[in-house]
């Protein structure tokens, strides 16, 4: 786990009220949208995964999504490295949906 948290100053949420990221239900979708354009999204998510942060939206993932990712990959000890190598697996959900639609269009064409 990295002790360098200088990335937090560059976070898209740095000027937001903390309560905006610690929400439940449908409000999490709104909170996550801010993350998808954040320049330090991977560092934020790696920090949350490395420390098993239980609450809030971090790096575009809710606590439920992070728990699921931690369960799927118990072997990971360095989330920053894992995300650098495989981060596309957890990118913006709306972008994943767009890629699926594009693939279906190509297959059906």
C-alpha atoms as a PDB file:
ATOM      1  CA  UNK A   1       0.000   0.000   0.000  1.00  0.00           C
ATOM      2  CA  UNK A   2       1.290   3.408  -0.951  1.00  0.00           C
ATOM      3  CA  UNK A   3       1.550   6.073   1.733  1.00  0.00           C
ATOM      4  CA  UNK A   4       1.734   8.859  -0.871  1.00  0.00           C
ATOM      5  CA  UNK A   5      -1.705  10.458  -0.987  1.00  0.00           C
ATOM      6  CA  UNK A   6      -0.693  13.543  -2.980  1.00  0.00           C
ATOM      7  CA  UNK A   7      -3.100  12.384  -5.684  1.00  0.00           C
ATOM      8  CA  UNK A   8      -6.040  13.490  -3.526  1.00  0.00           C
ATOM      9  CA  UNK A   9      -5.467  17.165  -4.401  1.00  0.00           C
ATOM     10  CA  UNK A  10      -6.065  16.364  -8.086  1.00  0.00           C
ATOM     11  CA  UNK A  11      -9.235  14.360  -7.495  1.00  0.00           C
ATOM     12  CA  UNK A  12     -12.375  15.504  -9.276  1.00  0.00           C
ATOM     13  CA  UNK A  13     -14.201  15.287  -5.936  1.00  0.00           C
ATOM     14  CA  UNK A  14     -11.654  17.375  -4.022  1.00  0.00           C
ATOM     15  CA  UNK A  15     -13.959  20.386  -4.029  1.00  0.00           C
ATOM     16  CA  UNK A  16     -17.124  18.380  -3.355  1.00  0.00           C
ATOM     17  CA  UNK A  17     -18.738  17.975   0.031  1.00  0.00           C
ATOM     18  CA  UNK A  18     -17.703  14.563   1.418  1.00  0.00           C
ATOM     19  CA  UNK A  19     -21.365  13.710   2.006  1.00  0.00           C
ATOM     20  CA  UNK A  20     -21.856  13.665  -1.775  1.00  0.00           C
ATOM     21  CA  UNK A  21     -19.714  10.513  -2.005  1.00  0.00           C
ATOM     22  CA  UNK A  22     -21.106   8.700   1.001  1.00  0.00           C
ATOM     23  CA  UNK A  23     -24.619   8.091  -0.236  1.00  0.00           C
ATOM     24  CA  UNK A  24     -26.850   5.070  -0.651  1.00  0.00           C
ATOM     25  CA  UNK A  25     -29.094   3.674  -3.362  1.00  0.00           C
ATOM     26  CA  UNK A  26     -29.658   5.522  -6.612  1.00  0.00           C
ATOM     27  CA  UNK A  27     -27.627   8.509  -5.412  1.00  0.00           C
ATOM     28  CA  UNK A  28     -24.516   6.359  -5.799  1.00  0.00           C
ATOM     29  CA  UNK A  29     -24.932   6.465  -9.568  1.00  0.00           C
ATOM     30  CA  UNK A  30     -24.621  10.247  -9.519  1.00  0.00           C
ATOM     31  CA  UNK A  31     -21.604  10.091  -7.226  1.00  0.00           C
ATOM     32  CA  UNK A  32     -19.901   7.559  -9.495  1.00  0.00           C
ATOM     33  CA  UNK A  33     -20.325   9.725 -12.604  1.00  0.00           C
ATOM     34  CA  UNK A  34     -17.924  12.261 -11.122  1.00  0.00           C
ATOM     35  CA  UNK A  35     -15.283   9.538 -10.863  1.00  0.00           C
ATOM     36  CA  UNK A  36     -15.345   8.519 -14.513  1.00  0.00           C
ATOM     37  CA  UNK A  37     -13.733  11.771 -15.625  1.00  0.00           C
ATOM     38  CA  UNK A  38     -11.310  11.944 -12.698  1.00  0.00           C
ATOM     39  CA  UNK A  39      -7.595  12.050 -13.546  1.00  0.00           C
ATOM     40  CA  UNK A  40      -6.671  10.080 -10.407  1.00  0.00           C
ATOM     41  CA  UNK A  41      -9.449   7.495 -10.487  1.00  0.00           C
ATOM     42  CA  UNK A  42      -7.099   4.484 -10.450  1.00  0.00           C
ATOM     43  CA  UNK A  43      -5.068   5.809  -7.503  1.00  0.00           C
ATOM     44  CA  UNK A  44      -8.263   6.460  -5.569  1.00  0.00           C
ATOM     45  CA  UNK A  45      -9.660   3.022  -6.302  1.00  0.00           C
ATOM     46  CA  UNK A  46      -6.347   1.315  -5.506  1.00  0.00           C
ATOM     47  CA  UNK A  47      -6.263   3.067  -2.140  1.00  0.00           C
ATOM     48  CA  UNK A  48      -9.815   1.968  -1.339  1.00  0.00           C
ATOM     49  CA  UNK A  49      -9.092  -1.632  -2.373  1.00  0.00           C
ATOM     50  CA  UNK A  50      -5.741  -1.812  -0.584  1.00  0.00           C
ATOM     51  CA  UNK A  51      -7.328  -0.602   2.643  1.00  0.00           C
ATOM     52  CA  UNK A  52     -10.633  -2.454   2.166  1.00  0.00           C
ATOM     53  CA  UNK A  53     -12.507   0.823   2.621  1.00  0.00           C
ATOM     54  CA  UNK A  54     -16.051  -0.115   3.508  1.00  0.00           C
ATOM     55  CA  UNK A  55     -18.080   3.016   2.844  1.00  0.00           C
ATOM     56  CA  UNK A  56     -18.593   5.506   0.056  1.00  0.00           C
ATOM     57  CA  UNK A  57     -17.874   5.726  -3.640  1.00  0.00           C
ATOM     58  CA  UNK A  58     -14.143   5.515  -4.369  1.00  0.00           C
ATOM     59  CA  UNK A  59     -12.627   5.396  -7.833  1.00  0.00           C
ATOM     60  CA  UNK A  60     -16.044   4.965  -9.416  1.00  0.00           C
ATOM     61  CA  UNK A  61     -17.022   1.904  -7.423  1.00  0.00           C
ATOM     62  CA  UNK A  62     -19.534   1.498  -4.648  1.00  0.00           C
ATOM     63  CA  UNK A  63     -18.746  -0.476  -1.520  1.00  0.00           C
ATOM     64  CA  UNK A  64     -20.676  -3.455  -2.916  1.00  0.00           C
ATOM     65  CA  UNK A  65     -18.713  -3.387  -6.180  1.00  0.00           C
ATOM     66  CA  UNK A  66     -15.395  -3.164  -4.324  1.00  0.00           C
ATOM     67  CA  UNK A  67     -16.301  -6.082  -2.044  1.00  0.00           C
ATOM     68  CA  UNK A  68     -17.185  -8.164  -5.095  1.00  0.00           C
ATOM     69  CA  UNK A  69     -13.886  -7.279  -6.790  1.00  0.00           C
ATOM     70  CA  UNK A  70     -11.943  -8.155  -3.633  1.00  0.00           C
ATOM     71  CA  UNK A  71     -13.738 -11.518  -3.459  1.00  0.00           C
ATOM     72  CA  UNK A  72     -13.066 -12.261  -7.143  1.00  0.00           C
ATOM     73  CA  UNK A  73      -9.353 -11.498  -6.796  1.00  0.00           C
ATOM     74  CA  UNK A  74      -8.152 -12.480  -3.304  1.00  0.00           C
ATOM     75  CA  UNK A  75      -4.662 -13.056  -4.690  1.00  0.00           C
ATOM     76  CA  UNK A  76      -4.072  -9.360  -5.450  1.00  0.00           C
ATOM     77  CA  UNK A  77      -1.689  -7.663  -3.031  1.00  0.00           C
ATOM     78  CA  UNK A  78      -0.959  -4.523  -5.066  1.00  0.00           C
ATOM     79  CA  UNK A  79      -4.114  -3.025  -6.475  1.00  0.00           C
ATOM     80  CA  UNK A  80      -2.319  -0.122  -8.147  1.00  0.00           C
ATOM     81  CA  UNK A  81      -0.313  -2.575 -10.262  1.00  0.00           C
ATOM     82  CA  UNK A  82      -3.349  -4.734 -10.968  1.00  0.00           C
ATOM     83  CA  UNK A  83      -5.383  -1.726 -12.089  1.00  0.00           C
ATOM     84  CA  UNK A  84      -2.536  -0.475 -14.279  1.00  0.00           C
ATOM     85  CA  UNK A  85      -2.467  -3.844 -16.027  1.00  0.00           C
ATOM     86  CA  UNK A  86      -6.176  -4.696 -16.061  1.00  0.00           C
ATOM     87  CA  UNK A  87      -8.088  -1.543 -15.177  1.00  0.00           C
ATOM     88  CA  UNK A  88     -10.162  -1.693 -18.337  1.00  0.00           C
ATOM     89  CA  UNK A  89     -12.081  -4.525 -16.659  1.00  0.00           C
ATOM     90  CA  UNK A  90     -13.656  -2.027 -14.290  1.00  0.00           C
ATOM     91  CA  UNK A  91     -14.016   1.065 -16.444  1.00  0.00           C
ATOM     92  CA  UNK A  92     -17.106   3.219 -16.775  1.00  0.00           C
ATOM     93  CA  UNK A  93     -20.179   0.931 -16.895  1.00  0.00           C
ATOM     94  CA  UNK A  94     -21.828   3.065 -19.556  1.00  0.00           C
ATOM     95  CA  UNK A  95     -18.725   2.653 -21.737  1.00  0.00           C
ATOM     96  CA  UNK A  96     -18.881  -1.136 -21.248  1.00  0.00           C
ATOM     97  CA  UNK A  97     -22.520  -1.093 -22.363  1.00  0.00           C
ATOM     98  CA  UNK A  98     -21.598   0.971 -25.427  1.00  0.00           C
ATOM     99  CA  UNK A  99     -18.841  -1.511 -26.335  1.00  0.00           C
ATOM    100  CA  UNK A 100     -21.283  -4.432 -25.986  1.00  0.00           C
ATOM    101  CA  UNK A 101     -23.781  -2.683 -28.273  1.00  0.00           C
ATOM    102  CA  UNK A 102     -21.027  -1.993 -30.811  1.00  0.00           C
ATOM    103  CA  UNK A 103     -19.917  -5.637 -30.760  1.00  0.00           C
ATOM    104  CA  UNK A 104     -23.503  -6.823 -31.256  1.00  0.00           C
ATOM    105  CA  UNK A 105     -23.899  -4.442 -34.184  1.00  0.00           C
ATOM    106  CA  UNK A 106     -20.717  -5.819 -35.806  1.00  0.00           C
ATOM    107  CA  UNK A 107     -21.815  -9.410 -35.247  1.00  0.00           C
ATOM    108  CA  UNK A 108     -25.286  -8.771 -36.644  1.00  0.00           C
ATOM    109  CA  UNK A 109     -24.073  -6.753 -39.644  1.00  0.00           C
END
